[in-house]
Amino acid sequence: MSEYSIDYKRIVYGGYSLGGLATVYSLSTIDIPAIVFSLCGSFWYPDFIKYCKDTDFKNKKASVYLLNGKNEGDKHNNILENAPKIAADLHSIIKEKIMDVTSVFDNYGHHENLESRYSNLCIWLSEKLKV
């Protein structure tokens, strides 16, 4: 054990965009942290959906908050134009593999409505951490 008193039930890890993808990836590799969030995760990244479908996640007891915008990828003529559909698919996959998932879609693009997105995340975190 560590020489420090660590409450593993209160460790939170999260990210935005590519950091959000990395956060979801971490669910498959280690059984901590207890609370995980992904805002506008770049789930469109090639083969990430397939990886999530095919992988047995280790951190099945985490509380997970997933938020993506319904208008992410607008005005793109490449893989990004499918970002909302791919994100919806990923949310469904994670709900099948993790016990406690909050899945949110708002009506904004990738870099829009940040104040409200972070405010809603803070409310969710406060409830999970009981602060």
N, C-alpha and C. Protein backbone atom coordinates (compact mmCIF):
# COMPACT_ATOMS: atom_id res chain seq x y z
N MET A 1 0.84 -1.19 0.00
CA MET A 1 0.00 0.00 0.00
C MET A 1 0.88 1.25 0.00
N SER A 2 0.26 2.29 -0.39
CA SER A 2 0.91 3.58 -0.45
C SER A 2 1.08 4.18 0.94
N GLU A 3 2.06 5.03 1.09
CA GLU A 3 2.23 5.72 2.37
C GLU A 3 1.24 6.87 2.51
N TYR A 4 0.51 7.16 1.44
CA TYR A 4 -0.48 8.23 1.46
C TYR A 4 -1.88 7.65 1.56
N SER A 5 -2.74 8.34 2.25
CA SER A 5 -4.12 7.92 2.38
C SER A 5 -4.89 8.39 1.14
N ILE A 6 -5.21 7.48 0.25
CA ILE A 6 -5.90 7.82 -0.99
C ILE A 6 -7.28 7.17 -0.98
N ASP A 7 -8.29 7.98 -1.20
CA ASP A 7 -9.66 7.48 -1.31
C ASP A 7 -9.92 7.20 -2.79
N TYR A 8 -9.75 5.96 -3.21
CA TYR A 8 -9.87 5.59 -4.61
C TYR A 8 -11.27 5.82 -5.17
N LYS A 9 -12.28 5.91 -4.29
CA LYS A 9 -13.64 6.16 -4.74
C LYS A 9 -13.86 7.61 -5.15
N ARG A 10 -12.87 8.46 -4.87
CA ARG A 10 -13.02 9.89 -5.18
C ARG A 10 -12.03 10.36 -6.26
N ILE A 11 -11.38 9.43 -6.92
CA ILE A 11 -10.48 9.80 -8.00
C ILE A 11 -11.31 10.05 -9.26
N VAL A 12 -11.09 11.22 -9.88
CA VAL A 12 -11.83 11.61 -11.08
C VAL A 12 -10.83 11.84 -12.21
N TYR A 13 -11.21 11.38 -13.39
CA TYR A 13 -10.34 11.53 -14.56
C TYR A 13 -11.24 11.87 -15.74
N GLY A 14 -10.81 12.82 -16.56
CA GLY A 14 -11.63 13.16 -17.72
C GLY A 14 -10.88 13.99 -18.72
N GLY A 15 -11.56 14.27 -19.83
CA GLY A 15 -10.94 15.07 -20.86
C GLY A 15 -11.94 15.56 -21.89
N TYR A 16 -11.45 16.45 -22.72
CA TYR A 16 -12.24 17.07 -23.78
C TYR A 16 -11.62 16.71 -25.13
N SER A 17 -12.44 16.37 -26.10
CA SER A 17 -12.01 16.07 -27.46
C SER A 17 -11.13 14.81 -27.47
N LEU A 18 -9.89 14.91 -27.89
CA LEU A 18 -9.02 13.72 -27.90
C LEU A 18 -8.79 13.23 -26.47
N GLY A 19 -8.77 14.16 -25.50
CA GLY A 19 -8.67 13.77 -24.09
C GLY A 19 -9.88 12.97 -23.64
N GLY A 20 -11.04 13.27 -24.20
CA GLY A 20 -12.25 12.50 -23.91
C GLY A 20 -12.16 11.09 -24.46
N LEU A 21 -11.58 10.95 -25.64
CA LEU A 21 -11.36 9.62 -26.20
C LEU A 21 -10.39 8.85 -25.31
N ALA A 22 -9.30 9.48 -24.89
CA ALA A 22 -8.32 8.82 -24.02
C ALA A 22 -8.96 8.38 -22.71
N THR A 23 -9.87 9.19 -22.20
CA THR A 23 -10.57 8.85 -20.97
C THR A 23 -11.37 7.56 -21.14
N VAL A 24 -12.13 7.48 -22.21
CA VAL A 24 -12.92 6.26 -22.46
C VAL A 24 -12.00 5.08 -22.69
N TYR A 25 -10.92 5.28 -23.40
CA TYR A 25 -9.94 4.21 -23.59
C TYR A 25 -9.43 3.69 -22.25
N SER A 26 -9.20 4.59 -21.30
CA SER A 26 -8.67 4.17 -19.99
C SER A 26 -9.60 3.20 -19.28
N LEU A 27 -10.89 3.27 -19.57
CA LEU A 27 -11.84 2.34 -18.95
C LEU A 27 -11.52 0.89 -19.31
N SER A 28 -10.87 0.69 -20.43
CA SER A 28 -10.56 -0.68 -20.88
C SER A 28 -9.23 -1.19 -20.34
N THR A 29 -8.42 -0.30 -19.76
CA THR A 29 -7.06 -0.70 -19.41
C THR A 29 -6.77 -0.79 -17.92
N ILE A 30 -7.58 -0.12 -17.09
CA ILE A 30 -7.30 -0.09 -15.65
C ILE A 30 -8.61 0.06 -14.89
N ASP A 31 -8.68 -0.46 -13.67
CA ASP A 31 -9.95 -0.45 -12.94
C ASP A 31 -10.13 0.76 -12.02
N ILE A 32 -9.29 1.76 -12.15
CA ILE A 32 -9.51 3.04 -11.51
C ILE A 32 -9.37 4.08 -12.62
N PRO A 33 -9.90 5.24 -12.50
CA PRO A 33 -10.57 5.89 -11.38
C PRO A 33 -12.04 5.50 -11.27
N ALA A 34 -12.65 5.97 -10.18
CA ALA A 34 -14.04 5.64 -9.91
C ALA A 34 -15.00 6.50 -10.71
N ILE A 35 -14.57 7.70 -11.09
CA ILE A 35 -15.43 8.63 -11.79
C ILE A 35 -14.69 9.13 -13.03
N VAL A 36 -15.37 9.04 -14.18
CA VAL A 36 -14.75 9.35 -15.46
C VAL A 36 -15.70 10.24 -16.27
N PHE A 37 -15.14 11.25 -16.95
CA PHE A 37 -15.98 12.06 -17.83
C PHE A 37 -15.28 12.32 -19.16
N SER A 38 -16.10 12.41 -20.19
CA SER A 38 -15.63 12.72 -21.53
C SER A 38 -16.56 13.76 -22.13
N LEU A 39 -16.00 14.91 -22.47
CA LEU A 39 -16.76 15.97 -23.13
C LEU A 39 -16.32 16.03 -24.60
N CYS A 40 -17.27 15.87 -25.49
CA CYS A 40 -17.01 15.94 -26.94
C CYS A 40 -15.87 15.02 -27.36
N GLY A 41 -15.87 13.82 -26.81
CA GLY A 41 -14.82 12.86 -27.15
C GLY A 41 -14.71 12.63 -28.64
N SER A 42 -13.51 12.52 -29.13
CA SER A 42 -13.25 12.32 -30.57
C SER A 42 -13.41 10.84 -30.93
N PHE A 43 -14.61 10.35 -30.75
CA PHE A 43 -14.87 8.93 -30.94
C PHE A 43 -14.86 8.52 -32.41
N TRP A 44 -14.83 9.48 -33.30
CA TRP A 44 -14.74 9.22 -34.73
C TRP A 44 -13.36 8.71 -35.14
N TYR A 45 -12.42 8.77 -34.22
CA TYR A 45 -11.05 8.37 -34.54
C TYR A 45 -11.06 6.96 -35.15
N PRO A 46 -10.34 6.74 -36.25
CA PRO A 46 -10.41 5.45 -36.96
C PRO A 46 -10.24 4.24 -36.04
N ASP A 47 -11.17 3.33 -36.16
CA ASP A 47 -11.19 2.03 -35.48
C ASP A 47 -11.47 2.09 -33.98
N PHE A 48 -11.76 3.27 -33.43
CA PHE A 48 -12.02 3.32 -31.99
C PHE A 48 -13.32 2.62 -31.62
N ILE A 49 -14.36 2.79 -32.41
CA ILE A 49 -15.64 2.10 -32.15
C ILE A 49 -15.43 0.58 -32.17
N LYS A 50 -14.72 0.10 -33.16
CA LYS A 50 -14.45 -1.35 -33.24
C LYS A 50 -13.68 -1.81 -32.01
N TYR A 51 -12.68 -1.04 -31.60
CA TYR A 51 -11.91 -1.39 -30.41
C TYR A 51 -12.85 -1.51 -29.20
N CYS A 52 -13.72 -0.54 -29.02
CA CYS A 52 -14.63 -0.56 -27.87
C CYS A 52 -15.59 -1.74 -27.91
N LYS A 53 -16.09 -2.06 -29.09
CA LYS A 53 -16.99 -3.21 -29.24
C LYS A 53 -16.29 -4.52 -28.87
N ASP A 54 -15.04 -4.65 -29.30
CA ASP A 54 -14.30 -5.91 -29.18
C ASP A 54 -13.56 -6.09 -27.86
N THR A 55 -13.57 -5.07 -27.01
CA THR A 55 -12.75 -5.09 -25.80
C THR A 55 -13.60 -5.28 -24.55
N ASP A 56 -13.12 -6.12 -23.65
CA ASP A 56 -13.76 -6.27 -22.35
C ASP A 56 -13.18 -5.21 -21.42
N PHE A 57 -13.98 -4.26 -21.04
CA PHE A 57 -13.49 -3.15 -20.22
C PHE A 57 -13.20 -3.61 -18.79
N LYS A 58 -12.13 -3.11 -18.22
CA LYS A 58 -11.74 -3.48 -16.85
C LYS A 58 -12.47 -2.65 -15.80
N ASN A 59 -12.76 -1.39 -16.11
CA ASN A 59 -13.33 -0.48 -15.12
C ASN A 59 -14.86 -0.44 -15.26
N LYS A 60 -15.50 -1.56 -14.96
CA LYS A 60 -16.95 -1.68 -15.14
C LYS A 60 -17.75 -0.99 -14.03
N LYS A 61 -17.10 -0.65 -12.93
CA LYS A 61 -17.80 -0.04 -11.80
C LYS A 61 -17.69 1.48 -11.79
N ALA A 62 -17.03 2.06 -12.75
CA ALA A 62 -16.88 3.52 -12.79
C ALA A 62 -18.21 4.20 -13.05
N SER A 63 -18.35 5.40 -12.53
CA SER A 63 -19.45 6.29 -12.91
C SER A 63 -18.93 7.10 -14.09
N VAL A 64 -19.66 7.07 -15.20
CA VAL A 64 -19.18 7.67 -16.44
C VAL A 64 -20.16 8.72 -16.93
N TYR A 65 -19.61 9.88 -17.31
CA TYR A 65 -20.39 10.97 -17.91
C TYR A 65 -19.88 11.19 -19.32
N LEU A 66 -20.76 10.99 -20.30
CA LEU A 66 -20.41 11.20 -21.70
C LEU A 66 -21.26 12.32 -22.26
N LEU A 67 -20.63 13.33 -22.83
CA LEU A 67 -21.36 14.42 -23.47
C LEU A 67 -20.79 14.65 -24.85
N ASN A 68 -21.69 14.69 -25.83
CA ASN A 68 -21.31 15.05 -27.19
C ASN A 68 -22.37 15.99 -27.75
N GLY A 69 -21.98 16.77 -28.75
CA GLY A 69 -22.90 17.69 -29.40
C GLY A 69 -23.51 17.09 -30.64
N LYS A 70 -24.80 17.36 -30.84
CA LYS A 70 -25.49 16.86 -32.02
C LYS A 70 -25.00 17.52 -33.30
N ASN A 71 -24.32 18.65 -33.17
CA ASN A 71 -23.83 19.37 -34.34
C ASN A 71 -22.31 19.34 -34.48
N GLU A 72 -21.66 18.44 -33.76
CA GLU A 72 -20.22 18.28 -33.95
C GLU A 72 -19.97 17.78 -35.37
N GLY A 73 -18.97 18.31 -36.01
CA GLY A 73 -18.64 17.87 -37.36
C GLY A 73 -19.37 18.60 -38.45
N ASP A 74 -20.30 19.52 -38.10
CA ASP A 74 -20.97 20.31 -39.12
C ASP A 74 -19.94 21.06 -39.95
N LYS A 75 -20.25 21.20 -41.21
CA LYS A 75 -19.41 21.95 -42.15
C LYS A 75 -18.10 21.24 -42.46
N HIS A 76 -18.02 19.96 -42.16
CA HIS A 76 -16.84 19.17 -42.53
C HIS A 76 -17.25 18.19 -43.62
N ASN A 77 -16.39 17.96 -44.54
CA ASN A 77 -16.66 17.00 -45.61
C ASN A 77 -15.69 15.83 -45.50
N ASN A 78 -15.56 15.33 -44.29
CA ASN A 78 -14.66 14.20 -44.06
C ASN A 78 -15.24 13.34 -42.94
N ILE A 79 -14.44 12.54 -42.31
CA ILE A 79 -14.92 11.63 -41.27
C ILE A 79 -15.63 12.36 -40.13
N LEU A 80 -15.29 13.62 -39.92
CA LEU A 80 -15.89 14.39 -38.82
C LEU A 80 -17.38 14.63 -39.01
N GLU A 81 -17.86 14.61 -40.25
CA GLU A 81 -19.28 14.87 -40.47
C GLU A 81 -20.16 13.76 -39.86
N ASN A 82 -19.57 12.62 -39.56
CA ASN A 82 -20.30 11.51 -38.93
C ASN A 82 -20.12 11.47 -37.42
N ALA A 83 -19.48 12.48 -36.86
CA ALA A 83 -19.16 12.47 -35.43
C ALA A 83 -20.37 12.24 -34.53
N PRO A 84 -21.52 12.91 -34.74
CA PRO A 84 -22.66 12.67 -33.84
C PRO A 84 -23.17 11.22 -33.87
N LYS A 85 -23.26 10.64 -35.06
CA LYS A 85 -23.73 9.25 -35.15
C LYS A 85 -22.74 8.29 -34.50
N ILE A 86 -21.46 8.52 -34.76
CA ILE A 86 -20.43 7.66 -34.15
C ILE A 86 -20.45 7.81 -32.63
N ALA A 87 -20.62 9.05 -32.14
CA ALA A 87 -20.70 9.27 -30.69
C ALA A 87 -21.91 8.55 -30.10
N ALA A 88 -23.05 8.59 -30.79
CA ALA A 88 -24.24 7.88 -30.30
C ALA A 88 -23.98 6.38 -30.22
N ASP A 89 -23.30 5.84 -31.22
CA ASP A 89 -22.94 4.41 -31.21
C ASP A 89 -22.03 4.10 -30.02
N LEU A 90 -21.04 4.97 -29.80
CA LEU A 90 -20.11 4.76 -28.69
C LEU A 90 -20.84 4.83 -27.35
N HIS A 91 -21.73 5.79 -27.18
CA HIS A 91 -22.50 5.89 -25.93
C HIS A 91 -23.24 4.58 -25.67
N SER A 92 -23.85 4.02 -26.70
CA SER A 92 -24.58 2.75 -26.55
C SER A 92 -23.65 1.61 -26.15
N ILE A 93 -22.49 1.54 -26.76
CA ILE A 93 -21.52 0.50 -26.43
C ILE A 93 -21.08 0.61 -24.97
N ILE A 94 -20.77 1.82 -24.55
CA ILE A 94 -20.30 2.03 -23.17
C ILE A 94 -21.41 1.68 -22.18
N LYS A 95 -22.65 2.02 -22.50
CA LYS A 95 -23.77 1.67 -21.61
C LYS A 95 -23.90 0.16 -21.43
N GLU A 96 -23.53 -0.61 -22.44
CA GLU A 96 -23.58 -2.07 -22.34
C GLU A 96 -22.46 -2.63 -21.48
N LYS A 97 -21.34 -1.92 -21.39
CA LYS A 97 -20.15 -2.44 -20.72
C LYS A 97 -19.93 -1.89 -19.31
N ILE A 98 -20.51 -0.73 -19.02
CA ILE A 98 -20.31 -0.05 -17.75
C ILE A 98 -21.65 0.08 -17.05
N MET A 99 -21.66 -0.09 -15.73
CA MET A 99 -22.92 -0.11 -14.98
C MET A 99 -23.57 1.26 -14.83
N ASP A 100 -22.80 2.32 -14.64
CA ASP A 100 -23.34 3.64 -14.32
C ASP A 100 -22.88 4.66 -15.35
N VAL A 101 -23.71 4.89 -16.37
CA VAL A 101 -23.35 5.82 -17.45
C VAL A 101 -24.42 6.89 -17.59
N THR A 102 -23.98 8.13 -17.62
CA THR A 102 -24.86 9.25 -17.95
C THR A 102 -24.48 9.69 -19.36
N SER A 103 -25.42 9.60 -20.28
CA SER A 103 -25.19 9.92 -21.69
C SER A 103 -25.97 11.19 -22.03
N VAL A 104 -25.24 12.21 -22.50
CA VAL A 104 -25.85 13.50 -22.80
C VAL A 104 -25.49 13.94 -24.21
N PHE A 105 -26.49 14.41 -24.94
CA PHE A 105 -26.27 15.06 -26.23
C PHE A 105 -26.94 16.42 -26.18
N ASP A 106 -26.16 17.47 -26.49
CA ASP A 106 -26.76 18.80 -26.57
C ASP A 106 -26.80 19.21 -28.05
N ASN A 107 -27.34 20.38 -28.31
CA ASN A 107 -27.58 20.81 -29.69
C ASN A 107 -26.46 21.70 -30.24
N TYR A 108 -25.23 21.45 -29.81
CA TYR A 108 -24.14 22.34 -30.17
C TYR A 108 -23.04 21.61 -30.92
N GLY A 109 -22.10 22.42 -31.44
CA GLY A 109 -20.92 21.90 -32.11
C GLY A 109 -19.81 21.62 -31.12
N HIS A 110 -18.68 21.26 -31.64
CA HIS A 110 -17.56 20.79 -30.83
C HIS A 110 -17.05 21.82 -29.82
N HIS A 111 -16.93 23.06 -30.21
CA HIS A 111 -16.36 24.08 -29.32
C HIS A 111 -17.40 25.11 -28.88
N GLU A 112 -18.64 24.74 -28.83
CA GLU A 112 -19.71 25.66 -28.47
C GLU A 112 -20.29 25.31 -27.10
N ASN A 113 -20.94 26.31 -26.49
CA ASN A 113 -21.69 26.11 -25.24
C ASN A 113 -20.81 25.58 -24.10
N LEU A 114 -19.56 25.98 -24.08
CA LEU A 114 -18.62 25.42 -23.10
C LEU A 114 -19.01 25.73 -21.66
N GLU A 115 -19.46 26.94 -21.39
CA GLU A 115 -19.80 27.29 -20.01
C GLU A 115 -20.90 26.39 -19.47
N SER A 116 -21.93 26.18 -20.27
CA SER A 116 -23.03 25.31 -19.84
C SER A 116 -22.58 23.85 -19.73
N ARG A 117 -21.75 23.41 -20.65
CA ARG A 117 -21.25 22.03 -20.60
C ARG A 117 -20.46 21.78 -19.32
N TYR A 118 -19.57 22.70 -18.99
CA TYR A 118 -18.77 22.54 -17.77
C TYR A 118 -19.63 22.69 -16.51
N SER A 119 -20.61 23.58 -16.56
CA SER A 119 -21.51 23.76 -15.42
C SER A 119 -22.29 22.47 -15.15
N ASN A 120 -22.83 21.86 -16.20
CA ASN A 120 -23.57 20.60 -16.04
C ASN A 120 -22.67 19.48 -15.55
N LEU A 121 -21.45 19.44 -16.05
CA LEU A 121 -20.48 18.44 -15.57
C LEU A 121 -20.22 18.64 -14.08
N CYS A 122 -20.05 19.89 -13.64
CA CYS A 122 -19.78 20.17 -12.22
C CYS A 122 -20.95 19.74 -11.34
N ILE A 123 -22.16 19.93 -11.81
CA ILE A 123 -23.34 19.48 -11.06
C ILE A 123 -23.31 17.96 -10.93
N TRP A 124 -23.04 17.28 -12.02
CA TRP A 124 -22.97 15.81 -12.01
C TRP A 124 -21.86 15.33 -11.07
N LEU A 125 -20.68 15.97 -11.16
CA LEU A 125 -19.57 15.59 -10.28
C LEU A 125 -19.92 15.82 -8.81
N SER A 126 -20.58 16.92 -8.51
CA SER A 126 -20.98 17.21 -7.13
C SER A 126 -21.88 16.12 -6.58
N GLU A 127 -22.79 15.64 -7.43
CA GLU A 127 -23.68 14.54 -6.99
C GLU A 127 -22.90 13.25 -6.78
N LYS A 128 -21.98 12.95 -7.67
CA LYS A 128 -21.20 11.71 -7.54
C LYS A 128 -20.26 11.74 -6.35
N LEU A 129 -19.67 12.92 -6.11
CA LEU A 129 -18.71 13.05 -5.00
C LEU A 129 -19.39 13.43 -3.69
N LYS A 130 -20.69 13.71 -3.77
CA LYS A 130 -21.46 14.10 -2.57
C LYS A 130 -20.84 15.29 -1.86
N VAL A 131 -20.53 16.34 -2.65
CA VAL A 131 -19.98 17.57 -2.08
C VAL A 131 -21.00 18.70 -2.16
